[in-house]
Protein backbone atom coordinates (compact mmCIF):
# COMPACT_ATOMS: atom_id res chain seq x y z
CA MET A 1 55.56 16.79 -90.47
CA ASN A 2 59.17 15.77 -90.06
CA THR A 3 61.47 17.32 -87.49
CA ARG A 4 64.10 19.34 -89.41
CA VAL A 5 67.65 18.98 -88.09
CA LEU A 6 70.79 21.03 -88.71
CA LEU A 7 74.16 19.38 -87.95
CA VAL A 8 77.12 21.53 -86.98
CA ASP A 9 80.45 19.85 -86.25
CA ASP A 10 83.91 20.46 -87.63
CA GLU A 11 84.46 16.71 -88.16
CA GLU A 12 82.98 15.52 -91.41
CA LEU A 13 82.93 11.92 -90.28
CA VAL A 14 80.84 12.83 -87.22
CA ARG A 15 78.38 14.77 -89.35
CA GLY A 16 78.13 11.88 -91.79
CA GLY A 17 77.43 9.41 -89.04
CA LEU A 18 74.79 11.62 -87.46
CA ARG A 19 73.13 12.20 -90.81
CA ALA A 20 72.94 8.46 -91.52
CA ILE A 21 71.40 7.79 -88.11
CA LEU A 22 68.82 10.58 -88.25
CA ASP A 23 67.86 10.33 -91.91
CA ALA A 24 67.03 6.63 -91.32
CA GLN A 25 64.06 7.75 -89.15
CA ASP A 26 60.73 8.41 -90.80
CA ASP A 27 60.07 11.47 -88.60
CA LEU A 28 63.50 13.14 -88.82
CA GLU A 29 65.16 14.97 -91.69
CA VAL A 30 68.69 16.45 -91.84
CA VAL A 31 68.25 19.68 -93.83
CA GLY A 32 71.81 20.94 -93.69
CA GLU A 33 75.30 20.76 -92.28
CA GLY A 34 77.92 23.21 -91.06
CA ALA A 35 81.55 22.91 -89.99
CA ASP A 36 81.80 25.78 -87.55
CA GLY A 37 79.66 27.82 -85.14
CA ALA A 38 80.25 30.91 -87.28
CA VAL A 39 77.76 29.64 -89.89
CA VAL A 40 75.02 28.62 -87.44
CA VAL A 41 72.92 31.80 -87.41
CA PRO A 42 72.84 32.27 -91.23
CA LEU A 43 72.17 28.59 -91.81
CA VAL A 44 69.31 28.59 -89.31
CA ALA A 45 67.86 31.69 -90.93
CA LEU A 46 68.04 30.01 -94.32
CA LEU A 47 67.00 26.44 -93.48
CA ARG A 48 64.63 26.96 -90.52
CA PRO A 49 65.53 23.76 -88.64
CA ASP A 50 63.60 22.66 -85.58
CA VAL A 51 66.70 21.33 -83.85
CA VAL A 52 70.41 22.18 -84.12
CA VAL A 53 72.81 19.44 -83.12
CA LEU A 54 75.90 21.44 -82.20
CA ASP A 55 79.43 20.41 -81.27
CA ILE A 56 80.88 22.37 -78.35
CA ARG A 57 84.49 22.43 -79.60
CA MET A 58 85.02 24.01 -83.05
CA PRO A 59 87.96 26.06 -84.35
CA LEU A 60 86.51 29.52 -84.98
CA VAL A 61 83.24 29.96 -83.07
CA ASP A 62 82.56 27.24 -80.51
CA GLY A 63 79.21 25.80 -79.65
CA ILE A 64 78.85 27.93 -76.53
CA GLN A 65 79.13 31.17 -78.42
CA ALA A 66 76.98 29.81 -81.23
CA THR A 67 74.27 29.00 -78.69
CA ARG A 68 74.44 32.55 -77.30
CA ASP A 69 74.26 33.93 -80.86
CA LEU A 70 71.15 31.91 -81.63
CA ARG A 71 69.42 32.98 -78.41
CA ARG A 72 70.32 36.65 -78.76
CA ARG A 73 69.96 37.24 -82.52
CA LEU A 74 66.88 35.23 -83.45
CA ASP A 75 63.35 35.90 -82.28
CA ALA A 76 62.39 32.23 -82.50
CA PRO A 77 65.57 30.16 -82.22
CA PRO A 78 65.46 26.41 -82.77
CA ARG A 79 66.07 23.89 -80.03
CA ILE A 80 69.74 23.22 -79.33
CA LEU A 81 71.37 19.89 -78.50
CA VAL A 82 75.10 20.09 -77.78
CA LEU A 83 77.52 17.24 -78.30
CA THR A 84 80.19 16.59 -75.71
CA THR A 85 82.72 14.04 -74.56
CA PHE A 86 81.64 14.53 -70.91
CA ALA A 87 85.31 15.02 -70.10
CA ASP A 88 84.82 18.61 -71.24
CA ASP A 89 82.50 19.38 -68.35
CA GLU A 90 83.33 23.09 -67.91
CA ASN A 91 82.21 23.79 -71.46
CA VAL A 92 79.09 21.65 -71.05
CA TYR A 93 78.12 23.74 -68.01
CA ALA A 94 78.76 26.94 -69.98
CA ALA A 95 76.62 25.70 -72.89
CA LEU A 96 73.71 24.93 -70.60
CA HIS A 97 73.98 28.41 -69.04
CA ALA A 98 74.06 29.89 -72.57
CA GLY A 99 70.73 28.24 -73.33
CA ALA A 100 71.34 24.77 -74.73
CA ASP A 101 68.32 22.50 -74.28
CA GLY A 102 70.34 19.39 -73.54
CA PHE A 103 73.65 17.63 -74.03
CA LEU A 104 74.62 14.28 -75.37
CA PRO A 105 77.93 12.33 -75.44
CA LYS A 106 79.45 11.85 -78.89
CA ARG A 107 79.70 8.13 -78.15
CA ALA A 108 75.99 7.78 -77.50
CA ARG A 109 74.25 4.84 -79.11
CA PRO A 110 72.19 5.61 -82.28
CA THR A 111 68.92 5.00 -80.38
CA GLU A 112 70.03 7.53 -77.70
CA ILE A 113 70.83 10.14 -80.37
CA VAL A 114 67.45 9.68 -82.06
CA ASP A 115 65.61 9.84 -78.73
CA ALA A 116 67.52 12.99 -77.70
CA VAL A 117 66.60 14.86 -80.91
CA ARG A 118 62.95 13.86 -80.45
CA VAL A 119 62.93 14.95 -76.83
CA VAL A 120 64.29 18.49 -77.48
CA ALA A 121 62.13 18.80 -80.61
CA ARG A 122 59.08 18.30 -78.43
CA GLY A 123 60.10 21.34 -76.40
CA GLU A 124 61.43 19.33 -73.49
CA SER A 125 64.89 19.59 -71.94
CA LEU A 126 67.23 16.63 -72.01
CA LEU A 127 68.10 16.33 -68.35
CA PHE A 128 70.78 14.15 -66.78
CA PRO A 129 70.22 15.07 -63.13
CA ALA A 130 73.30 13.30 -61.82
CA ALA A 131 75.53 14.86 -64.42
CA ILE A 132 74.13 18.35 -63.93
CA ARG A 133 74.62 17.99 -60.18
CA SER A 134 78.25 16.99 -60.76
CA LEU A 135 78.76 19.95 -63.13
CA ALA A 136 77.26 22.41 -60.63
CA ALA A 137 79.42 21.05 -57.79
CA ARG A 138 82.55 21.55 -59.81
CA HIS A 139 81.83 24.88 -61.51
CA ALA A 140 79.33 26.84 -59.50
CA THR A 141 81.12 29.37 -57.30
CA PRO A 142 80.06 29.77 -53.63
CA ARG A 143 78.74 33.21 -54.51
CA ALA A 144 76.65 31.82 -57.37
CA ARG A 145 75.26 29.11 -55.07
CA ALA A 146 74.16 31.72 -52.60
CA GLY A 147 72.98 34.29 -55.11
CA THR A 148 70.48 32.59 -57.35
CA ALA A 149 67.02 33.99 -56.57
CA VAL A 150 64.73 31.32 -55.20
CA VAL A 151 63.31 33.47 -52.42
CA ASP A 152 60.27 34.39 -54.47
CA LEU A 153 59.24 30.79 -55.05
CA THR A 154 56.25 29.52 -53.12
CA PRO A 155 56.67 26.41 -50.96
CA ARG A 156 54.84 24.36 -53.65
CA GLU A 157 57.10 25.76 -56.42
CA ARG A 158 60.20 24.84 -54.35
CA GLU A 159 58.83 21.36 -53.87
CA ILE A 160 58.22 20.96 -57.59
CA LEU A 161 61.66 22.37 -58.45
CA ARG A 162 63.28 19.72 -56.22
CA LEU A 163 61.37 17.01 -58.14
CA VAL A 164 62.31 18.56 -61.47
CA ALA A 165 65.95 18.45 -60.32
CA GLY A 166 65.46 14.76 -59.62
CA GLY A 167 64.55 14.21 -63.27
CA LEU A 168 60.80 13.73 -62.86
CA SER A 169 58.47 14.62 -65.69
CA ASN A 170 55.34 16.70 -65.20
CA GLY A 171 53.23 13.58 -65.15
CA GLU A 172 55.45 11.93 -62.56
CA ILE A 173 55.39 15.06 -60.41
CA ALA A 174 51.61 15.18 -60.69
CA ASN A 175 51.42 11.59 -59.42
CA GLU A 176 53.90 12.20 -56.64
CA LEU A 177 52.09 15.31 -55.32
CA PHE A 178 48.49 14.22 -56.18
CA LEU A 179 48.04 17.17 -58.52
CA GLY A 180 46.74 17.59 -62.02
CA VAL A 181 49.31 17.67 -64.82
CA GLN A 182 48.04 21.10 -65.92
CA THR A 183 48.50 22.40 -62.36
CA VAL A 184 52.09 21.11 -62.38
CA LYS A 185 52.69 22.82 -65.73
CA THR A 186 51.40 26.08 -64.29
CA HIS A 187 53.70 25.84 -61.33
CA VAL A 188 56.68 24.98 -63.56
CA SER A 189 55.98 27.97 -65.83
CA SER A 190 55.75 30.23 -62.76
CA LEU A 191 59.04 29.04 -61.24
CA LEU A 192 60.83 29.36 -64.56
CA ARG A 193 59.65 32.95 -64.83
CA LYS A 194 60.67 33.79 -61.29
CA LEU A 195 64.12 32.25 -61.71
CA GLY A 196 64.67 33.87 -65.09
CA ALA A 197 65.26 30.37 -66.53
CA ARG A 198 64.28 29.65 -70.09
CA ASP A 199 63.79 25.93 -69.53
CA ARG A 200 63.97 23.10 -67.02
CA THR A 201 67.70 22.57 -67.48
CA GLN A 202 68.45 26.13 -66.37
CA ALA A 203 66.00 25.79 -63.52
CA VAL A 204 67.81 22.67 -62.30
CA ILE A 205 71.15 24.53 -62.43
CA ALA A 206 69.60 27.31 -60.41
CA ALA A 207 68.29 24.79 -57.86
CA TYR A 208 71.77 23.48 -57.28
CA GLU A 209 73.50 26.86 -57.37
CA SER A 210 71.12 28.38 -54.81
CA GLY A 211 71.47 25.50 -52.43
CA LEU A 212 67.77 24.64 -52.68
CA VAL A 213 68.86 21.16 -53.79
CA PRO A 214 72.02 19.88 -52.08
CA LEU A 215 75.03 19.19 -54.36
């Protein structure tokens, strides 16, 4: 079954380019387009996409608020991939906090765009550890860095979170720590629950903000 994709960007040329790239793949299908975040929730309810590719900057409702709306108003929201210039790092950080599953520069190569959609469609987070570290260093307040709850994590969970923050996959963590992949998955699920993080991206942010992983 193809991965269904909704494109939301106020620039028609951007949407057209993304559609051409994604529709050229046998496993991806663009099922709709929107020009503002205000239409995201009704379009998702109508079209049932698996992934929403969402611009951060739009005139009426931006991608940050649209991400919040999807998370709050839908019981089973799609995966969310936000588009950014990387110069707009404050908004990228806010989008990740709001629940975006990953971010991608608008100038990414076609292969990178395709890979990013596939990654988030599989239920994984699109992590750029160095970029997230830089964002946290610029935008996390000292209070936030001290206040994120990591005290309930076990030593093993802290160790695994540090490796997640380094960009390692579950399989790579398993090899590093001589554990089974399922054991790593169990630890990751537990640390996400304790941190109140919905995915690995938010867990990495928490790791930096808490000081568990140095900025």
